[in-house]
């Protein structure tokens, strides 16, 4: 049961973070499905990068900010690939 709740939370938070990131990065217009995937992927990307540099985030707000920045980074990468 805990795994299902964790997945649901990841989808909801990832969707919100991805949507907010897509508002900031204009011209991506990916739709809610891709926004959720980018939000989740960006969250994972940011957490992996921070661990590589030995940085740990202790607060929920800090985690949300990192997730948002990761989603923005991933959206910018997707936007650059689409232009190429």
PDB file of N, CA and C in Angstrom:
ATOM      1  N   UNK A   1       0.823  -1.203   0.000  1.00  0.00           N
ATOM      2  CA  UNK A   1       0.000   0.000   0.000  1.00  0.00           C
ATOM      3  C   UNK A   1       0.864   1.262   0.000  1.00  0.00           C
ATOM      4  N   UNK A   2       1.992   1.232   0.714  1.00  0.00           N
ATOM      5  CA  UNK A   2       2.868   2.393   0.788  1.00  0.00           C
ATOM      6  C   UNK A   2       3.481   2.736  -0.556  1.00  0.00           C
ATOM      7  N   UNK A   3       3.788   1.719  -1.361  1.00  0.00           N
ATOM      8  CA  UNK A   3       4.368   1.945  -2.679  1.00  0.00           C
ATOM      9  C   UNK A   3       3.388   2.680  -3.582  1.00  0.00           C
ATOM     10  N   UNK A   4       2.121   2.290  -3.526  1.00  0.00           N
ATOM     11  CA  UNK A   4       1.092   2.927  -4.361  1.00  0.00           C
ATOM     12  C   UNK A   4       0.930   4.391  -3.966  1.00  0.00           C
ATOM     13  N   UNK A   5       0.914   4.674  -2.689  1.00  0.00           N
ATOM     14  CA  UNK A   5       0.784   6.048  -2.222  1.00  0.00           C
ATOM     15  C   UNK A   5       2.013   6.863  -2.632  1.00  0.00           C
ATOM     16  N   UNK A   6       3.193   6.263  -2.522  1.00  0.00           N
ATOM     17  CA  UNK A   6       4.412   6.943  -2.939  1.00  0.00           C
ATOM     18  C   UNK A   6       4.399   7.281  -4.421  1.00  0.00           C
ATOM     19  N   UNK A   7       3.918   6.359  -5.241  1.00  0.00           N
ATOM     20  CA  UNK A   7       3.826   6.602  -6.674  1.00  0.00           C
ATOM     21  C   UNK A   7       2.815   7.704  -6.966  1.00  0.00           C
ATOM     22  N   UNK A   8       1.674   7.664  -6.284  1.00  0.00           N
ATOM     23  CA  UNK A   8       0.667   8.713  -6.484  1.00  0.00           C
ATOM     24  C   UNK A   8       1.199  10.088  -6.092  1.00  0.00           C
ATOM     25  N   UNK A   9       1.923  10.154  -4.990  1.00  0.00           N
ATOM     26  CA  UNK A   9       2.507  11.425  -4.562  1.00  0.00           C
ATOM     27  C   UNK A   9       3.526  11.905  -5.592  1.00  0.00           C
ATOM     28  N   UNK A  10       4.347  10.990  -6.111  1.00  0.00           N
ATOM     29  CA  UNK A  10       5.344  11.356  -7.118  1.00  0.00           C
ATOM     30  C   UNK A  10       4.677  11.886  -8.378  1.00  0.00           C
ATOM     31  N   UNK A  11       3.570  11.278  -8.784  1.00  0.00           N
ATOM     32  CA  UNK A  11       2.862  11.721  -9.983  1.00  0.00           C
ATOM     33  C   UNK A  11       2.234  13.095  -9.753  1.00  0.00           C
ATOM     34  N   UNK A  12       1.595  13.289  -8.618  1.00  0.00           N
ATOM     35  CA  UNK A  12       0.938  14.575  -8.336  1.00  0.00           C
ATOM     36  C   UNK A  12       1.974  15.687  -8.197  1.00  0.00           C
ATOM     37  N   UNK A  13       2.990  15.464  -7.374  1.00  0.00           N
ATOM     38  CA  UNK A  13       4.012  16.488  -7.175  1.00  0.00           C
ATOM     39  C   UNK A  13       4.794  16.703  -8.469  1.00  0.00           C
ATOM     40  N   UNK A  14       5.128  15.619  -9.172  1.00  0.00           N
ATOM     41  CA  UNK A  14       5.826  15.733 -10.447  1.00  0.00           C
ATOM     42  C   UNK A  14       5.012  16.503 -11.463  1.00  0.00           C
ATOM     43  N   UNK A  15       3.710  16.274 -11.471  1.00  0.00           N
ATOM     44  CA  UNK A  15       2.838  17.005 -12.389  1.00  0.00           C
ATOM     45  C   UNK A  15       2.804  18.488 -12.089  1.00  0.00           C
ATOM     46  N   UNK A  16       2.702  18.824 -10.823  1.00  0.00           N
ATOM     47  CA  UNK A  16       2.673  20.234 -10.429  1.00  0.00           C
ATOM     48  C   UNK A  16       4.003  20.903 -10.747  1.00  0.00           C
ATOM     49  N   UNK A  17       5.097  20.239 -10.383  1.00  0.00           N
ATOM     50  CA  UNK A  17       6.428  20.794 -10.640  1.00  0.00           C
ATOM     51  C   UNK A  17       6.670  20.919 -12.142  1.00  0.00           C
ATOM     52  N   UNK A  18       6.291  19.893 -12.906  1.00  0.00           N
ATOM     53  CA  UNK A  18       6.459  19.942 -14.352  1.00  0.00           C
ATOM     54  C   UNK A  18       5.630  21.035 -14.995  1.00  0.00           C
ATOM     55  N   UNK A  19       4.399  21.206 -14.513  1.00  0.00           N
ATOM     56  CA  UNK A  19       3.532  22.257 -15.037  1.00  0.00           C
ATOM     57  C   UNK A  19       4.106  23.640 -14.740  1.00  0.00           C
ATOM     58  N   UNK A  20       4.561  23.849 -13.505  1.00  0.00           N
ATOM     59  CA  UNK A  20       5.153  25.137 -13.144  1.00  0.00           C
ATOM     60  C   UNK A  20       6.417  25.407 -13.951  1.00  0.00           C
ATOM     61  N   UNK A  21       7.225  24.372 -14.152  1.00  0.00           N
ATOM     62  CA  UNK A  21       8.442  24.532 -14.950  1.00  0.00           C
ATOM     63  C   UNK A  21       8.097  24.862 -16.391  1.00  0.00           C
ATOM     64  N   UNK A  22       7.034  24.249 -16.927  1.00  0.00           N
ATOM     65  CA  UNK A  22       6.651  24.542 -18.312  1.00  0.00           C
ATOM     66  C   UNK A  22       6.106  25.956 -18.452  1.00  0.00           C
ATOM     67  N   UNK A  23       5.547  26.523 -17.380  1.00  0.00           N
ATOM     68  CA  UNK A  23       5.128  27.918 -17.416  1.00  0.00           C
ATOM     69  C   UNK A  23       6.335  28.849 -17.483  1.00  0.00           C
ATOM     70  N   UNK A  24       7.403  28.464 -16.797  1.00  0.00           N
ATOM     71  CA  UNK A  24       8.607  29.281 -16.782  1.00  0.00           C
ATOM     72  C   UNK A  24       9.367  29.178 -18.108  1.00  0.00           C
ATOM     73  N   UNK A  25       9.476  27.960 -18.630  1.00  0.00           N
ATOM     74  CA  UNK A  25      10.198  27.730 -19.890  1.00  0.00           C
ATOM     75  C   UNK A  25       9.175  27.800 -21.015  1.00  0.00           C
ATOM     76  N   UNK A  26       9.088  28.942 -21.637  1.00  0.00           N
ATOM     77  CA  UNK A  26       8.088  29.143 -22.691  1.00  0.00           C
ATOM     78  C   UNK A  26       8.443  28.352 -23.941  1.00  0.00           C
ATOM     79  N   UNK A  27       7.422  27.996 -24.685  1.00  0.00           N
ATOM     80  CA  UNK A  27       7.643  27.337 -25.964  1.00  0.00           C
ATOM     81  C   UNK A  27       7.791  25.835 -25.896  1.00  0.00           C
ATOM     82  N   UNK A  28       7.527  25.230 -24.721  1.00  0.00           N
ATOM     83  CA  UNK A  28       7.640  23.776 -24.644  1.00  0.00           C
ATOM     84  C   UNK A  28       6.295  23.117 -24.879  1.00  0.00           C
ATOM     85  N   UNK A  29       5.218  23.677 -24.369  1.00  0.00           N
ATOM     86  CA  UNK A  29       3.866  23.192 -24.611  1.00  0.00           C
ATOM     87  C   UNK A  29       3.747  21.697 -24.794  1.00  0.00           C
ATOM     88  N   UNK A  30       4.168  20.943 -23.809  1.00  0.00           N
ATOM     89  CA  UNK A  30       4.272  19.502 -23.948  1.00  0.00           C
ATOM     90  C   UNK A  30       3.005  18.750 -23.587  1.00  0.00           C
ATOM     91  N   UNK A  31       2.088  19.366 -22.889  1.00  0.00           N
ATOM     92  CA  UNK A  31       0.898  18.667 -22.419  1.00  0.00           C
ATOM     93  C   UNK A  31       1.121  18.112 -21.025  1.00  0.00           C
ATOM     94  N   UNK A  32       0.032  17.802 -20.340  1.00  0.00           N
ATOM     95  CA  UNK A  32       0.112  17.394 -18.936  1.00  0.00           C
ATOM     96  C   UNK A  32       0.848  16.079 -18.758  1.00  0.00           C
ATOM     97  N   UNK A  33       0.679  15.146 -19.689  1.00  0.00           N
ATOM     98  CA  UNK A  33       1.366  13.851 -19.563  1.00  0.00           C
ATOM     99  C   UNK A  33       2.868  13.997 -19.591  1.00  0.00           C
ATOM    100  N   UNK A  34       3.369  14.738 -20.550  1.00  0.00           N
ATOM    101  CA  UNK A  34       4.815  14.939 -20.641  1.00  0.00           C
ATOM    102  C   UNK A  34       5.304  15.845 -19.517  1.00  0.00           C
ATOM    103  N   UNK A  35       4.466  16.789 -19.078  1.00  0.00           N
ATOM    104  CA  UNK A  35       4.835  17.632 -17.936  1.00  0.00           C
ATOM    105  C   UNK A  35       5.060  16.784 -16.681  1.00  0.00           C
ATOM    106  N   UNK A  36       4.200  15.781 -16.469  1.00  0.00           N
ATOM    107  CA  UNK A  36       4.363  14.896 -15.316  1.00  0.00           C
ATOM    108  C   UNK A  36       5.668  14.125 -15.438  1.00  0.00           C
ATOM    109  N   UNK A  37       5.918  13.576 -16.627  1.00  0.00           N
ATOM    110  CA  UNK A  37       7.155  12.810 -16.826  1.00  0.00           C
ATOM    111  C   UNK A  37       8.387  13.691 -16.668  1.00  0.00           C
ATOM    112  N   UNK A  38       8.330  14.896 -17.197  1.00  0.00           N
ATOM    113  CA  UNK A  38       9.462  15.810 -17.058  1.00  0.00           C
ATOM    114  C   UNK A  38       9.640  16.229 -15.605  1.00  0.00           C
ATOM    115  N   UNK A  39       8.537  16.439 -14.888  1.00  0.00           N
ATOM    116  CA  UNK A  39       8.624  16.780 -13.461  1.00  0.00           C
ATOM    117  C   UNK A  39       9.263  15.668 -12.656  1.00  0.00           C
ATOM    118  N   UNK A  40       8.862  14.433 -12.911  1.00  0.00           N
ATOM    119  CA  UNK A  40       9.445  13.290 -12.199  1.00  0.00           C
ATOM    120  C   UNK A  40      10.896  13.097 -12.633  1.00  0.00           C
ATOM    121  N   UNK A  41      11.134  13.142 -13.955  1.00  0.00           N
ATOM    122  CA  UNK A  41      12.497  12.976 -14.454  1.00  0.00           C
ATOM    123  C   UNK A  41      13.424  14.071 -13.972  1.00  0.00           C
ATOM    124  N   UNK A  42      12.933  15.299 -13.962  1.00  0.00           N
ATOM    125  CA  UNK A  42      13.732  16.409 -13.465  1.00  0.00           C
ATOM    126  C   UNK A  42      14.047  16.286 -11.987  1.00  0.00           C
ATOM    127  N   UNK A  43      13.103  15.780 -11.228  1.00  0.00           N
ATOM    128  CA  UNK A  43      13.327  15.554  -9.806  1.00  0.00           C
ATOM    129  C   UNK A  43      14.430  14.526  -9.589  1.00  0.00           C
ATOM    130  N   UNK A  44      14.360  13.456 -10.361  1.00  0.00           N
ATOM    131  CA  UNK A  44      15.381  12.410 -10.254  1.00  0.00           C
ATOM    132  C   UNK A  44      16.732  12.957 -10.693  1.00  0.00           C
ATOM    133  N   UNK A  45      16.756  13.681 -11.810  1.00  0.00           N
ATOM    134  CA  UNK A  45      17.996  14.264 -12.320  1.00  0.00           C
ATOM    135  C   UNK A  45      18.633  15.185 -11.284  1.00  0.00           C
ATOM    136  N   UNK A  46      17.846  16.052 -10.695  1.00  0.00           N
ATOM    137  CA  UNK A  46      18.374  16.998  -9.707  1.00  0.00           C
ATOM    138  C   UNK A  46      18.894  16.278  -8.471  1.00  0.00           C
ATOM    139  N   UNK A  47      18.173  15.272  -7.997  1.00  0.00           N
ATOM    140  CA  UNK A  47      18.631  14.569  -6.795  1.00  0.00           C
ATOM    141  C   UNK A  47      19.918  13.793  -7.061  1.00  0.00           C
ATOM    142  N   UNK A  48      20.048  13.212  -8.259  1.00  0.00           N
ATOM    143  CA  UNK A  48      21.282  12.494  -8.603  1.00  0.00           C
ATOM    144  C   UNK A  48      22.452  13.470  -8.699  1.00  0.00           C
ATOM    145  N   UNK A  49      22.227  14.613  -9.346  1.00  0.00           N
ATOM    146  CA  UNK A  49      23.300  15.601  -9.469  1.00  0.00           C
ATOM    147  C   UNK A  49      23.742  16.128  -8.105  1.00  0.00           C
ATOM    148  N   UNK A  50      22.784  16.383  -7.227  1.00  0.00           N
ATOM    149  CA  UNK A  50      23.144  16.876  -5.895  1.00  0.00           C
ATOM    150  C   UNK A  50      23.927  15.826  -5.107  1.00  0.00           C
ATOM    151  N   UNK A  51      23.527  14.565  -5.225  1.00  0.00           N
ATOM    152  CA  UNK A  51      24.266  13.505  -4.533  1.00  0.00           C
ATOM    153  C   UNK A  51      25.685  13.375  -5.067  1.00  0.00           C
ATOM    154  N   UNK A  52      25.852  13.564  -6.367  1.00  0.00           N
ATOM    155  CA  UNK A  52      27.199  13.501  -6.948  1.00  0.00           C
ATOM    156  C   UNK A  52      28.109  14.574  -6.361  1.00  0.00           C
ATOM    157  N   UNK A  53      27.536  15.730  -6.057  1.00  0.00           N
ATOM    158  CA  UNK A  53      28.296  16.823  -5.472  1.00  0.00           C
ATOM    159  C   UNK A  53      28.295  16.792  -3.936  1.00  0.00           C
ATOM    160  N   UNK A  54      27.660  15.787  -3.344  1.00  0.00           N
ATOM    161  CA  UNK A  54      27.647  15.636  -1.893  1.00  0.00           C
ATOM    162  C   UNK A  54      26.735  16.601  -1.167  1.00  0.00           C
ATOM    163  N   UNK A  55      25.721  17.116  -1.846  1.00  0.00           N
ATOM    164  CA  UNK A  55      24.801  18.077  -1.242  1.00  0.00           C
ATOM    165  C   UNK A  55      23.527  17.347  -0.831  1.00  0.00           C
ATOM    166  N   UNK A  56      23.086  17.599   0.408  1.00  0.00           N
ATOM    167  CA  UNK A  56      21.854  16.990   0.896  1.00  0.00           C
ATOM    168  C   UNK A  56      20.858  18.087   1.262  1.00  0.00           C
ATOM    169  N   UNK A  57      19.612  17.872   0.893  1.00  0.00           N
ATOM    170  CA  UNK A  57      18.542  18.827   1.196  1.00  0.00           C
ATOM    171  C   UNK A  57      17.703  18.231   2.323  1.00  0.00           C
ATOM    172  N   UNK A  58      17.540  19.009   3.403  1.00  0.00           N
ATOM    173  CA  UNK A  58      16.863  18.468   4.576  1.00  0.00           C
ATOM    174  C   UNK A  58      15.398  18.886   4.693  1.00  0.00           C
ATOM    175  N   UNK A  59      14.995  19.932   4.011  1.00  0.00           N
ATOM    176  CA  UNK A  59      13.624  20.424   4.192  1.00  0.00           C
ATOM    177  C   UNK A  59      12.747  20.075   2.991  1.00  0.00           C
ATOM    178  N   UNK A  60      11.451  20.054   3.239  1.00  0.00           N
ATOM    179  CA  UNK A  60      10.498  19.783   2.163  1.00  0.00           C
ATOM    180  C   UNK A  60      10.495  20.912   1.142  1.00  0.00           C
ATOM    181  N   UNK A  61      10.594  22.148   1.599  1.00  0.00           N
ATOM    182  CA  UNK A  61      10.634  23.289   0.690  1.00  0.00           C
ATOM    183  C   UNK A  61      11.884  23.239  -0.180  1.00  0.00           C
ATOM    184  N   UNK A  62      13.002  22.902   0.414  1.00  0.00           N
ATOM    185  CA  UNK A  62      14.239  22.769  -0.350  1.00  0.00           C
ATOM    186  C   UNK A  62      14.126  21.677  -1.396  1.00  0.00           C
ATOM    187  N   UNK A  63      13.490  20.584  -1.039  1.00  0.00           N
ATOM    188  CA  UNK A  63      13.283  19.489  -1.992  1.00  0.00           C
ATOM    189  C   UNK A  63      12.400  19.920  -3.152  1.00  0.00           C
ATOM    190  N   UNK A  64      11.359  20.677  -2.872  1.00  0.00           N
ATOM    191  CA  UNK A  64      10.476  21.173  -3.933  1.00  0.00           C
ATOM    192  C   UNK A  64      11.214  22.124  -4.865  1.00  0.00           C
ATOM    193  N   UNK A  65      12.057  22.961  -4.295  1.00  0.00           N
ATOM    194  CA  UNK A  65      12.836  23.889  -5.117  1.00  0.00           C
ATOM    195  C   UNK A  65      13.792  23.117  -6.017  1.00  0.00           C
ATOM    196  N   UNK A  66      14.449  22.100  -5.461  1.00  0.00           N
ATOM    197  CA  UNK A  66      15.368  21.277  -6.245  1.00  0.00           C
ATOM    198  C   UNK A  66      14.607  20.538  -7.343  1.00  0.00           C
ATOM    199  N   UNK A  67      13.429  20.013  -7.019  1.00  0.00           N
ATOM    200  CA  UNK A  67      12.615  19.323  -8.023  1.00  0.00           C
ATOM    201  C   UNK A  67      12.238  20.280  -9.147  1.00  0.00           C
ATOM    202  N   UNK A  68      11.848  21.489  -8.793  1.00  0.00           N
ATOM    203  CA  UNK A  68      11.471  22.495  -9.783  1.00  0.00           C
ATOM    204  C   UNK A  68      12.651  22.839 -10.686  1.00  0.00           C
ATOM    205  N   UNK A  69      13.817  23.066 -10.088  1.00  0.00           N
ATOM    206  CA  UNK A  69      14.999  23.403 -10.881  1.00  0.00           C
ATOM    207  C   UNK A  69      15.404  22.250 -11.788  1.00  0.00           C
ATOM    208  N   UNK A  70      15.257  21.021 -11.302  1.00  0.00           N
ATOM    209  CA  UNK A  70      15.547  19.865 -12.136  1.00  0.00           C
ATOM    210  C   UNK A  70      14.596  19.760 -13.310  1.00  0.00           C
ATOM    211  N   UNK A  71      13.327  20.046 -13.080  1.00  0.00           N
ATOM    212  CA  UNK A  71      12.337  20.011 -14.162  1.00  0.00           C
ATOM    213  C   UNK A  71      12.615  21.114 -15.178  1.00  0.00           C
ATOM    214  N   UNK A  72      13.006  22.293 -14.704  1.00  0.00           N
ATOM    215  CA  UNK A  72      13.353  23.385 -15.616  1.00  0.00           C
ATOM    216  C   UNK A  72      14.561  22.989 -16.453  1.00  0.00           C
ATOM    217  N   UNK A  73      15.567  22.414 -15.820  1.00  0.00           N
ATOM    218  CA  UNK A  73      16.757  21.970 -16.543  1.00  0.00           C
ATOM    219  C   UNK A  73      16.399  20.933 -17.604  1.00  0.00           C
ATOM    220  N   UNK A  74      15.579  19.977 -17.238  1.00  0.00           N
ATOM    221  CA  UNK A  74      15.186  18.941 -18.188  1.00  0.00           C
ATOM    222  C   UNK A  74      14.349  19.531 -19.334  1.00  0.00           C
ATOM    223  N   UNK A  75      13.472  20.478 -19.033  1.00  0.00           N
ATOM    224  CA  UNK A  75      12.697  21.137 -20.089  1.00  0.00           C
ATOM    225  C   UNK A  75      13.594  21.900 -21.054  1.00  0.00           C
ATOM    226  N   UNK A  76      14.605  22.564 -20.527  1.00  0.00           N
ATOM    227  CA  UNK A  76      15.541  23.288 -21.388  1.00  0.00           C
ATOM    228  C   UNK A  76      16.312  22.326 -22.288  1.00  0.00           C
ATOM    229  N   UNK A  77      16.685  21.180 -21.753  1.00  0.00           N
ATOM    230  CA  UNK A  77      17.371  20.165 -22.557  1.00  0.00           C
ATOM    231  C   UNK A  77      16.448  19.645 -23.660  1.00  0.00           C
ATOM    232  N   UNK A  78      15.190  19.356 -23.313  1.00  0.00           N
ATOM    233  CA  UNK A  78      14.221  18.880 -24.303  1.00  0.00           C
ATOM    234  C   UNK A  78      14.002  19.952 -25.371  1.00  0.00           C
ATOM    235  N   UNK A  79      13.909  21.203 -24.961  1.00  0.00           N
ATOM    236  CA  UNK A  79      13.698  22.299 -25.908  1.00  0.00           C
ATOM    237  C   UNK A  79      14.888  22.427 -26.869  1.00  0.00           C
ATOM    238  N   UNK A  80      16.098  22.268 -26.362  1.00  0.00           N
ATOM    239  CA  UNK A  80      17.290  22.349 -27.207  1.00  0.00           C
ATOM    240  C   UNK A  80      17.328  21.182 -28.203  1.00  0.00           C
ATOM    241  N   UNK A  81      16.934  20.008 -27.766  1.00  0.00           N
ATOM    242  CA  UNK A  81      16.928  18.839 -28.646  1.00  0.00           C
ATOM    243  C   UNK A  81      15.890  19.006 -29.743  1.00  0.00           C
ATOM    244  N   UNK A  82      14.728  19.552 -29.404  1.00  0.00           N
ATOM    245  CA  UNK A  82      13.682  19.762 -30.405  1.00  0.00           C
ATOM    246  C   UNK A  82      14.089  20.768 -31.463  1.00  0.00           C
ATOM    247  N   UNK A  83      14.881  21.773 -31.086  1.00  0.00           N
ATOM    248  CA  UNK A  83      15.339  22.781 -32.041  1.00  0.00           C
ATOM    249  C   UNK A  83      16.365  22.188 -33.009  1.00  0.00           C
ATOM    250  N   UNK A  84      17.138  21.234 -32.529  1.00  0.00           N
ATOM    251  CA  UNK A  84      18.221  20.677 -33.356  1.00  0.00           C
ATOM    252  C   UNK A  84      17.732  19.798 -34.471  1.00  0.00           C
TER     253      UNK A  84
END
